[in-house]
Amino acid sequence: MSETNENKGFIRRFLDAPADSVGKTVFVAVALCLVASMIVSATAVALRPIQEVNKLKDKQVNILQVAGEYDPSANVTEAFGKFEPQVLEIATGTFTDQFDAATFDDRASADNPETSIALTDDPAGIGRQSKFVTVYLLRNEDGSLDKVILPVHGYGLWSTLYGFVALEENGNDIFGLQFYSHAETPGLGAEVDNPRWKSLWSGKKLSDENGELQITVAKAQPAAGAEFHVDALAGATLTSVGVDNLVRFWMGEAGYAPFLENLKAGDI
């Protein structure tokens, strides 16, 4: 006596259903999604250490480049070993041993209410500012300071630009500026990566003889003089304004001014 469909269990009815039935189609689709998501998740977890290593290496390359120390044929880790990372307390302009400079995460610190402040006067558009940042010192063979590399970031047209400013040992002459992360418009705001435009920063000064911050990114040269002027990017007015704002913010009183004063006084 054959078993009626009503007397069959759920699993038996499912197995006996046609291959193109709604139930089997949904089951296969869900199963494939679950398997695919598990594979993607496992791959992401497995690749995370590699991604972190590559991210660190990219950061080191950018620091080497902005300091004029990058050699494509040299080992990045060994070349970066010449730099001395220090965690800087922004308000005092002095180094702190409260954190390990080798592992301190500037971005995570900016998101942590205990180690950051919410900005009310925020020309750079960063929202919160970390009380601490990692700066990099490059010294000569005799131990004297050669350059200091300062991280900067701020909002452009479409994105937050993250980069570094390299200063000479006097804390006023700019050696270079370089951005390593942004999402500005290709061919316009993304020209912040153009070597020609980046070269315009070399030799510019932050402040005048009276200590007044004068560095400006603009179409027209300011009254202060050419040594404080970097041409704005053609066709990228808002990105240029963003770069001007972020550089002036970080080099001003709310940023590295206390540190630069200590640097000029020979206290670093």
C-alpha atoms as a PDB file:
ATOM      1  CA  MET A   1       0.000   0.000   0.000  1.00  0.00           C
ATOM      2  CA  SER A   2       1.542   3.276  -1.091  1.00  0.00           C
ATOM      3  CA  GLU A   3       2.091   6.010   1.450  1.00  0.00           C
ATOM      4  CA  THR A   4      -0.011   9.116   0.848  1.00  0.00           C
ATOM      5  CA  ASN A   5       1.680  12.556   0.687  1.00  0.00           C
ATOM      6  CA  GLU A   6      -0.208  13.609   3.811  1.00  0.00           C
ATOM      7  CA  ASN A   7       1.296  10.723   5.797  1.00  0.00           C
ATOM      8  CA  LYS A   8       4.869  11.541   4.794  1.00  0.00           C
ATOM      9  CA  GLY A   9       7.080  13.542   7.123  1.00  0.00           C
ATOM     10  CA  PHE A  10       8.299  17.031   6.209  1.00  0.00           C
ATOM     11  CA  ILE A  11      11.763  15.877   5.189  1.00  0.00           C
ATOM     12  CA  ARG A  12      10.369  13.043   3.050  1.00  0.00           C
ATOM     13  CA  ARG A  13       7.930  15.397   1.322  1.00  0.00           C
ATOM     14  CA  PHE A  14      10.766  17.854   0.688  1.00  0.00           C
ATOM     15  CA  LEU A  15      12.996  15.163  -0.817  1.00  0.00           C
ATOM     16  CA  ASP A  16      10.222  13.857  -3.016  1.00  0.00           C
ATOM     17  CA  ALA A  17       9.345  17.324  -4.335  1.00  0.00           C
ATOM     18  CA  PRO A  18      10.448  18.228  -7.904  1.00  0.00           C
ATOM     19  CA  ALA A  19      13.894  19.796  -8.243  1.00  0.00           C
ATOM     20  CA  ASP A  20      12.399  23.038  -9.501  1.00  0.00           C
ATOM     21  CA  SER A  21       9.856  23.360  -6.705  1.00  0.00           C
ATOM     22  CA  VAL A  22       9.672  26.595  -4.735  1.00  0.00           C
ATOM     23  CA  GLY A  23      10.798  24.893  -1.531  1.00  0.00           C
ATOM     24  CA  LYS A  24      13.919  23.337  -3.027  1.00  0.00           C
ATOM     25  CA  THR A  25      14.785  26.507  -4.949  1.00  0.00           C
ATOM     26  CA  VAL A  26      14.596  28.610  -1.790  1.00  0.00           C
ATOM     27  CA  PHE A  27      16.562  25.996   0.176  1.00  0.00           C
ATOM     28  CA  VAL A  28      19.395  25.875  -2.363  1.00  0.00           C
ATOM     29  CA  ALA A  29      19.546  29.681  -2.567  1.00  0.00           C
ATOM     30  CA  VAL A  30      19.695  30.062   1.220  1.00  0.00           C
ATOM     31  CA  ALA A  31      22.273  27.278   1.545  1.00  0.00           C
ATOM     32  CA  LEU A  32      24.486  28.857  -1.107  1.00  0.00           C
ATOM     33  CA  CYS A  33      24.245  32.249   0.608  1.00  0.00           C
ATOM     34  CA  LEU A  34      25.194  30.734   3.954  1.00  0.00           C
ATOM     35  CA  VAL A  35      28.154  28.832   2.511  1.00  0.00           C
ATOM     36  CA  ALA A  36      29.334  31.882   0.551  1.00  0.00           C
ATOM     37  CA  SER A  37      29.066  34.137   3.599  1.00  0.00           C
ATOM     38  CA  MET A  38      31.028  31.641   5.693  1.00  0.00           C
ATOM     39  CA  ILE A  39      33.756  31.486   3.046  1.00  0.00           C
ATOM     40  CA  VAL A  40      33.908  35.291   2.770  1.00  0.00           C
ATOM     41  CA  SER A  41      34.019  35.696   6.557  1.00  0.00           C
ATOM     42  CA  ALA A  42      36.725  33.070   6.943  1.00  0.00           C
ATOM     43  CA  THR A  43      38.760  34.666   4.157  1.00  0.00           C
ATOM     44  CA  ALA A  44      38.407  38.131   5.710  1.00  0.00           C
ATOM     45  CA  VAL A  45      39.580  36.838   9.085  1.00  0.00           C
ATOM     46  CA  ALA A  46      42.496  34.971   7.512  1.00  0.00           C
ATOM     47  CA  LEU A  47      43.590  37.977   5.438  1.00  0.00           C
ATOM     48  CA  ARG A  48      43.212  40.571   8.207  1.00  0.00           C
ATOM     49  CA  PRO A  49      46.790  40.154   9.520  1.00  0.00           C
ATOM     50  CA  ILE A  50      48.119  40.544   5.961  1.00  0.00           C
ATOM     51  CA  GLN A  51      45.940  43.621   5.409  1.00  0.00           C
ATOM     52  CA  GLU A  52      47.216  45.189   8.628  1.00  0.00           C
ATOM     53  CA  VAL A  53      50.819  44.547   7.607  1.00  0.00           C
ATOM     54  CA  ASN A  54      50.201  46.098   4.177  1.00  0.00           C
ATOM     55  CA  LYS A  55      48.458  49.100   5.749  1.00  0.00           C
ATOM     56  CA  LEU A  56      51.410  49.665   8.067  1.00  0.00           C
ATOM     57  CA  LYS A  57      53.879  49.286   5.195  1.00  0.00           C
ATOM     58  CA  ASP A  58      51.931  51.802   3.088  1.00  0.00           C
ATOM     59  CA  LYS A  59      52.014  54.289   5.956  1.00  0.00           C
ATOM     60  CA  GLN A  60      55.751  53.802   6.361  1.00  0.00           C
ATOM     61  CA  VAL A  61      56.299  54.297   2.621  1.00  0.00           C
ATOM     62  CA  ASN A  62      54.392  57.584   2.744  1.00  0.00           C
ATOM     63  CA  ILE A  63      56.434  58.815   5.692  1.00  0.00           C
ATOM     64  CA  LEU A  64      59.636  57.887   3.888  1.00  0.00           C
ATOM     65  CA  GLN A  65      58.434  59.664   0.749  1.00  0.00           C
ATOM     66  CA  VAL A  66      57.363  62.889   2.431  1.00  0.00           C
ATOM     67  CA  ALA A  67      60.720  63.009   4.217  1.00  0.00           C
ATOM     68  CA  GLY A  68      62.641  62.409   0.975  1.00  0.00           C
ATOM     69  CA  GLU A  69      64.040  59.120   2.269  1.00  0.00           C
ATOM     70  CA  TYR A  70      62.224  56.611   0.070  1.00  0.00           C
ATOM     71  CA  ASP A  71      64.243  54.191  -2.047  1.00  0.00           C
ATOM     72  CA  PRO A  72      62.088  51.672  -3.990  1.00  0.00           C
ATOM     73  CA  SER A  73      64.945  49.167  -3.990  1.00  0.00           C
ATOM     74  CA  ALA A  74      65.440  49.298  -0.209  1.00  0.00           C
ATOM     75  CA  ASN A  75      63.633  47.311   2.462  1.00  0.00           C
ATOM     76  CA  VAL A  76      60.836  49.539   3.775  1.00  0.00           C
ATOM     77  CA  THR A  77      60.977  48.249   7.345  1.00  0.00           C
ATOM     78  CA  GLU A  78      64.736  48.736   7.565  1.00  0.00           C
ATOM     79  CA  ALA A  79      64.572  52.197   6.001  1.00  0.00           C
ATOM     80  CA  PHE A  80      61.788  53.233   8.354  1.00  0.00           C
ATOM     81  CA  GLY A  81      63.942  52.156  11.286  1.00  0.00           C
ATOM     82  CA  LYS A  82      65.745  55.515  10.994  1.00  0.00           C
ATOM     83  CA  PHE A  83      62.611  57.288  12.216  1.00  0.00           C
ATOM     84  CA  GLU A  84      61.866  57.796  15.891  1.00  0.00           C
ATOM     85  CA  PRO A  85      58.124  57.651  16.666  1.00  0.00           C
ATOM     86  CA  GLN A  86      56.924  59.675  19.647  1.00  0.00           C
ATOM     87  CA  VAL A  87      53.443  60.154  21.074  1.00  0.00           C
ATOM     88  CA  LEU A  88      52.847  63.875  21.411  1.00  0.00           C
ATOM     89  CA  GLU A  89      50.431  65.509  23.842  1.00  0.00           C
ATOM     90  CA  ILE A  90      49.020  68.275  21.663  1.00  0.00           C
ATOM     91  CA  ALA A  91      48.015  70.712  24.407  1.00  0.00           C
ATOM     92  CA  THR A  92      51.484  70.855  25.982  1.00  0.00           C
ATOM     93  CA  GLY A  93      53.560  70.192  22.885  1.00  0.00           C
ATOM     94  CA  THR A  94      55.589  67.603  24.780  1.00  0.00           C
ATOM     95  CA  PHE A  95      56.116  63.883  24.379  1.00  0.00           C
ATOM     96  CA  THR A  96      54.416  61.431  26.707  1.00  0.00           C
ATOM     97  CA  ASP A  97      55.269  57.883  27.722  1.00  0.00           C
ATOM     98  CA  GLN A  98      51.633  57.183  28.574  1.00  0.00           C
ATOM     99  CA  PHE A  99      51.324  55.151  25.376  1.00  0.00           C
ATOM    100  CA  ASP A 100      53.537  52.871  23.308  1.00  0.00           C
ATOM    101  CA  ALA A 101      54.472  54.891  20.226  1.00  0.00           C
ATOM    102  CA  ALA A 102      54.907  51.726  18.164  1.00  0.00           C
ATOM    103  CA  THR A 103      51.275  50.659  18.625  1.00  0.00           C
ATOM    104  CA  PHE A 104      49.387  53.875  19.417  1.00  0.00           C
ATOM    105  CA  ASP A 105      46.407  54.308  17.054  1.00  0.00           C
ATOM    106  CA  ASP A 106      45.757  57.994  16.314  1.00  0.00           C
ATOM    107  CA  ARG A 107      42.399  57.390  14.640  1.00  0.00           C
ATOM    108  CA  ALA A 108      41.096  55.161  17.437  1.00  0.00           C
ATOM    109  CA  SER A 109      42.205  57.786  19.952  1.00  0.00           C
ATOM    110  CA  ALA A 110      40.201  60.455  18.099  1.00  0.00           C
ATOM    111  CA  ASP A 111      37.072  58.282  18.397  1.00  0.00           C
ATOM    112  CA  ASN A 112      37.589  57.640  22.110  1.00  0.00           C
ATOM    113  CA  PRO A 113      35.911  60.302  24.326  1.00  0.00           C
ATOM    114  CA  GLU A 114      38.537  59.682  27.018  1.00  0.00           C
ATOM    115  CA  THR A 115      41.438  60.598  24.742  1.00  0.00           C
ATOM    116  CA  SER A 116      39.797  63.196  22.485  1.00  0.00           C
ATOM    117  CA  ILE A 117      37.754  66.375  22.540  1.00  0.00           C
ATOM    118  CA  ALA A 118      34.716  67.460  20.539  1.00  0.00           C
ATOM    119  CA  LEU A 119      35.519  70.565  18.517  1.00  0.00           C
ATOM    120  CA  THR A 120      33.254  73.609  18.397  1.00  0.00           C
ATOM    121  CA  ASP A 121      35.635  75.651  16.248  1.00  0.00           C
ATOM    122  CA  ASP A 122      36.340  73.069  13.568  1.00  0.00           C
ATOM    123  CA  PRO A 123      37.651  74.551  10.290  1.00  0.00           C
ATOM    124  CA  ALA A 124      39.206  71.214   9.311  1.00  0.00           C
ATOM    125  CA  GLY A 125      35.859  69.421   9.664  1.00  0.00           C
ATOM    126  CA  ILE A 126      37.191  66.554  11.772  1.00  0.00           C
ATOM    127  CA  GLY A 127      34.548  66.567  14.518  1.00  0.00           C
ATOM    128  CA  ARG A 128      36.744  65.222  17.298  1.00  0.00           C
ATOM    129  CA  GLN A 129      40.445  65.799  17.867  1.00  0.00           C
ATOM    130  CA  SER A 130      42.671  63.346  19.660  1.00  0.00           C
ATOM    131  CA  LYS A 131      44.614  64.801  22.581  1.00  0.00           C
ATOM    132  CA  PHE A 132      47.565  62.706  21.445  1.00  0.00           C
ATOM    133  CA  VAL A 133      49.177  61.985  18.063  1.00  0.00           C
ATOM    134  CA  THR A 134      52.174  60.051  16.833  1.00  0.00           C
ATOM    135  CA  VAL A 135      54.896  62.195  15.303  1.00  0.00           C
ATOM    136  CA  TYR A 136      58.093  60.952  13.682  1.00  0.00           C
ATOM    137  CA  LEU A 137      61.564  62.377  14.189  1.00  0.00           C
ATOM    138  CA  LEU A 138      64.375  61.861  11.694  1.00  0.00           C
ATOM    139  CA  ARG A 139      67.805  62.491  13.147  1.00  0.00           C
ATOM    140  CA  ASN A 140      71.247  62.934  11.617  1.00  0.00           C
ATOM    141  CA  GLU A 141      74.056  60.516  12.419  1.00  0.00           C
ATOM    142  CA  ASP A 142      75.265  62.826  15.199  1.00  0.00           C
ATOM    143  CA  GLY A 143      71.837  62.717  16.868  1.00  0.00           C
ATOM    144  CA  SER A 144      70.790  66.214  15.836  1.00  0.00           C
ATOM    145  CA  LEU A 145      67.314  66.669  14.442  1.00  0.00           C
ATOM    146  CA  ASP A 146      66.982  66.596  10.655  1.00  0.00           C
ATOM    147  CA  LYS A 147      63.217  66.600  10.073  1.00  0.00           C
ATOM    148  CA  VAL A 148      59.959  66.090  11.933  1.00  0.00           C
ATOM    149  CA  ILE A 149      56.956  64.400  10.310  1.00  0.00           C
ATOM    150  CA  LEU A 150      53.535  65.501  11.548  1.00  0.00           C
ATOM    151  CA  PRO A 151      50.241  63.729  10.735  1.00  0.00           C
ATOM    152  CA  VAL A 152      47.405  65.934   9.496  1.00  0.00           C
ATOM    153  CA  HIS A 153      43.847  65.329   8.373  1.00  0.00           C
ATOM    154  CA  GLY A 154      40.749  67.263   7.431  1.00  0.00           C
ATOM    155  CA  TYR A 155      37.742  67.298   5.149  1.00  0.00           C
ATOM    156  CA  GLY A 156      38.012  68.198   1.483  1.00  0.00           C
ATOM    157  CA  LEU A 157      35.091  68.053  -0.952  1.00  0.00           C
ATOM    158  CA  TRP A 158      34.006  64.414  -0.638  1.00  0.00           C
ATOM    159  CA  SER A 159      36.240  62.883   1.971  1.00  0.00           C
ATOM    160  CA  THR A 160      38.618  63.236   4.868  1.00  0.00           C
ATOM    161  CA  LEU A 161      42.182  63.574   3.630  1.00  0.00           C
ATOM    162  CA  TYR A 162      44.871  61.928   5.761  1.00  0.00           C
ATOM    163  CA  GLY A 163      48.496  62.843   5.250  1.00  0.00           C
ATOM    164  CA  PHE A 164      51.800  64.073   6.627  1.00  0.00           C
ATOM    165  CA  VAL A 165      53.670  67.360   6.668  1.00  0.00           C
ATOM    166  CA  ALA A 166      57.456  67.150   6.841  1.00  0.00           C
ATOM    167  CA  LEU A 167      59.196  70.116   8.463  1.00  0.00           C
ATOM    168  CA  GLU A 168      62.849  71.000   8.660  1.00  0.00           C
ATOM    169  CA  GLU A 169      64.554  71.024  12.055  1.00  0.00           C
ATOM    170  CA  ASN A 170      63.652  74.697  12.602  1.00  0.00           C
ATOM    171  CA  GLY A 171      59.959  73.802  12.751  1.00  0.00           C
ATOM    172  CA  ASN A 172      59.024  76.448  10.178  1.00  0.00           C
ATOM    173  CA  ASP A 173      60.331  75.434   6.745  1.00  0.00           C
ATOM    174  CA  ILE A 174      58.192  72.881   4.935  1.00  0.00           C
ATOM    175  CA  PHE A 175      60.065  70.022   3.302  1.00  0.00           C
ATOM    176  CA  GLY A 176      56.976  68.321   1.898  1.00  0.00           C
ATOM    177  CA  LEU A 177      53.306  67.425   2.182  1.00  0.00           C
ATOM    178  CA  GLN A 178      51.744  64.129   1.175  1.00  0.00           C
ATOM    179  CA  PHE A 179      48.298  62.555   1.503  1.00  0.00           C
ATOM    180  CA  TYR A 180      47.978  58.799   1.769  1.00  0.00           C
ATOM    181  CA  SER A 181      44.203  58.394   2.050  1.00  0.00           C
ATOM    182  CA  HIS A 182      41.310  60.316   0.493  1.00  0.00           C
ATOM    183  CA  ALA A 183      38.380  59.953  -1.918  1.00  0.00           C
ATOM    184  CA  GLU A 184      38.521  63.218  -3.815  1.00  0.00           C
ATOM    185  CA  THR A 185      37.410  63.516  -7.445  1.00  0.00           C
ATOM    186  CA  PRO A 186      39.873  61.922  -9.924  1.00  0.00           C
ATOM    187  CA  GLY A 187      41.466  64.544 -12.134  1.00  0.00           C
ATOM    188  CA  LEU A 188      40.352  67.385  -9.847  1.00  0.00           C
ATOM    189  CA  GLY A 189      40.641  67.143  -6.041  1.00  0.00           C
ATOM    190  CA  ALA A 190      42.643  63.944  -6.395  1.00  0.00           C
ATOM    191  CA  GLU A 191      45.408  66.090  -7.908  1.00  0.00           C
ATOM    192  CA  VAL A 192      46.640  66.462  -4.328  1.00  0.00           C
ATOM    193  CA  ASP A 193      48.594  63.325  -5.314  1.00  0.00           C
ATOM    194  CA  ASN A 194      50.138  64.994  -8.359  1.00  0.00           C
ATOM    195  CA  PRO A 195      53.934  65.156  -7.884  1.00  0.00           C
ATOM    196  CA  ARG A 196      54.024  68.595  -9.504  1.00  0.00           C
ATOM    197  CA  TRP A 197      51.560  70.033  -6.997  1.00  0.00           C
ATOM    198  CA  LYS A 198      53.210  68.306  -4.056  1.00  0.00           C
ATOM    199  CA  SER A 199      56.548  69.796  -5.098  1.00  0.00           C
ATOM    200  CA  LEU A 200      55.101  73.293  -4.644  1.00  0.00           C
ATOM    201  CA  TRP A 201      55.176  72.814  -0.878  1.00  0.00           C
ATOM    202  CA  SER A 202      58.912  72.296  -0.618  1.00  0.00           C
ATOM    203  CA  GLY A 203      60.660  75.362   0.754  1.00  0.00           C
ATOM    204  CA  LYS A 204      57.505  77.173   1.867  1.00  0.00           C
ATOM    205  CA  LYS A 205      57.303  78.620   5.362  1.00  0.00           C
ATOM    206  CA  LEU A 206      54.585  78.262   7.968  1.00  0.00           C
ATOM    207  CA  SER A 207      55.007  81.530   9.880  1.00  0.00           C
ATOM    208  CA  ASP A 208      56.563  84.928   9.427  1.00  0.00           C
ATOM    209  CA  GLU A 209      59.288  86.518  11.568  1.00  0.00           C
ATOM    210  CA  ASN A 210      56.686  87.561  14.122  1.00  0.00           C
ATOM    211  CA  GLY A 211      55.479  84.011  14.550  1.00  0.00           C
ATOM    212  CA  GLU A 212      52.182  84.640  12.756  1.00  0.00           C
ATOM    213  CA  LEU A 213      50.892  81.647  10.801  1.00  0.00           C
ATOM    214  CA  GLN A 214      50.845  82.684   7.131  1.00  0.00           C
ATOM    215  CA  ILE A 215      50.882  79.509   5.031  1.00  0.00           C
ATOM    216  CA  THR A 216      48.014  79.627   2.530  1.00  0.00           C
ATOM    217  CA  VAL A 217      46.612  77.495  -0.281  1.00  0.00           C
ATOM    218  CA  ALA A 218      44.921  79.929  -2.658  1.00  0.00           C
ATOM    219  CA  LYS A 219      44.672  81.082  -6.267  1.00  0.00           C
ATOM    220  CA  ALA A 220      46.153  84.487  -5.519  1.00  0.00           C
ATOM    221  CA  GLN A 221      49.391  85.138  -3.678  1.00  0.00           C
ATOM    222  CA  PRO A 222      48.781  86.607  -0.209  1.00  0.00           C
ATOM    223  CA  ALA A 223      50.250  89.905   0.943  1.00  0.00           C
ATOM    224  CA  ALA A 224      52.621  88.003   3.217  1.00  0.00           C
ATOM    225  CA  GLY A 225      54.640  86.859   0.200  1.00  0.00           C
ATOM    226  CA  ALA A 226      55.347  83.946  -2.125  1.00  0.00           C
ATOM    227  CA  GLU A 227      57.192  81.964   0.537  1.00  0.00           C
ATOM    228  CA  PHE A 228      53.858  81.394   2.296  1.00  0.00           C
ATOM    229  CA  HIS A 229      51.793  80.630  -0.813  1.00  0.00           C
ATOM    230  CA  VAL A 230      50.870  77.331  -2.500  1.00  0.00           C
ATOM    231  CA  ASP A 231      48.774  77.523  -5.670  1.00  0.00           C
ATOM    232  CA  ALA A 232      45.265  76.107  -5.338  1.00  0.00           C
ATOM    233  CA  LEU A 233      44.383  73.080  -7.438  1.00  0.00           C
ATOM    234  CA  ALA A 234      42.872  74.028 -10.796  1.00  0.00           C
ATOM    235  CA  GLY A 235      39.167  73.180 -10.900  1.00  0.00           C
ATOM    236  CA  ALA A 236      39.150  71.878  -7.329  1.00  0.00           C
ATOM    237  CA  THR A 237      38.293  74.922  -5.238  1.00  0.00           C
ATOM    238  CA  LEU A 238      36.634  73.099  -2.338  1.00  0.00           C
ATOM    239  CA  THR A 239      39.411  70.518  -2.046  1.00  0.00           C
ATOM    240  CA  SER A 240      41.961  73.357  -2.048  1.00  0.00           C
ATOM    241  CA  VAL A 241      40.007  75.175   0.662  1.00  0.00           C
ATOM    242  CA  GLY A 242      39.905  71.941   2.642  1.00  0.00           C
ATOM    243  CA  VAL A 243      43.678  71.511   2.394  1.00  0.00           C
ATOM    244  CA  ASP A 244      44.193  75.157   3.376  1.00  0.00           C
ATOM    245  CA  ASN A 245      41.892  74.720   6.382  1.00  0.00           C
ATOM    246  CA  LEU A 246      43.431  71.490   7.592  1.00  0.00           C
ATOM    247  CA  VAL A 247      47.022  72.687   7.269  1.00  0.00           C
ATOM    248  CA  ARG A 248      46.301  75.959   9.043  1.00  0.00           C
ATOM    249  CA  PHE A 249      44.328  74.137  11.755  1.00  0.00           C
ATOM    250  CA  TRP A 250      47.046  71.598  12.505  1.00  0.00           C
ATOM    251  CA  MET A 251      49.875  74.125  12.320  1.00  0.00           C
ATOM    252  CA  GLY A 252      47.940  76.600  14.477  1.00  0.00           C
ATOM    253  CA  GLU A 253      47.279  76.990  18.187  1.00  0.00           C
ATOM    254  CA  ALA A 254      44.756  74.138  18.307  1.00  0.00           C
ATOM    255  CA  GLY A 255      47.289  71.837  16.679  1.00  0.00           C
ATOM    256  CA  TYR A 256      51.071  71.726  16.679  1.00  0.00           C
ATOM    257  CA  ALA A 257      51.883  75.346  17.609  1.00  0.00           C
ATOM    258  CA  PRO A 258      52.927  74.457  21.210  1.00  0.00           C
ATOM    259  CA  PHE A 259      55.129  71.663  19.896  1.00  0.00           C
ATOM    260  CA  LEU A 260      56.691  73.865  17.229  1.00  0.00           C
ATOM    261  CA  GLU A 261      57.481  76.508  19.845  1.00  0.00           C
ATOM    262  CA  ASN A 262      59.257  73.865  21.934  1.00  0.00           C
ATOM    263  CA  LEU A 263      61.059  72.712  18.819  1.00  0.00           C
ATOM    264  CA  LYS A 264      62.293  76.233  18.003  1.00  0.00           C
ATOM    265  CA  ALA A 265      63.385  76.691  21.602  1.00  0.00           C
ATOM    266  CA  GLY A 266      65.540  73.567  21.348  1.00  0.00           C
ATOM    267  CA  ASP A 267      63.484  71.617  23.890  1.00  0.00           C
ATOM    268  CA  ILE A 268      62.911  68.639  21.581  1.00  0.00           C
END
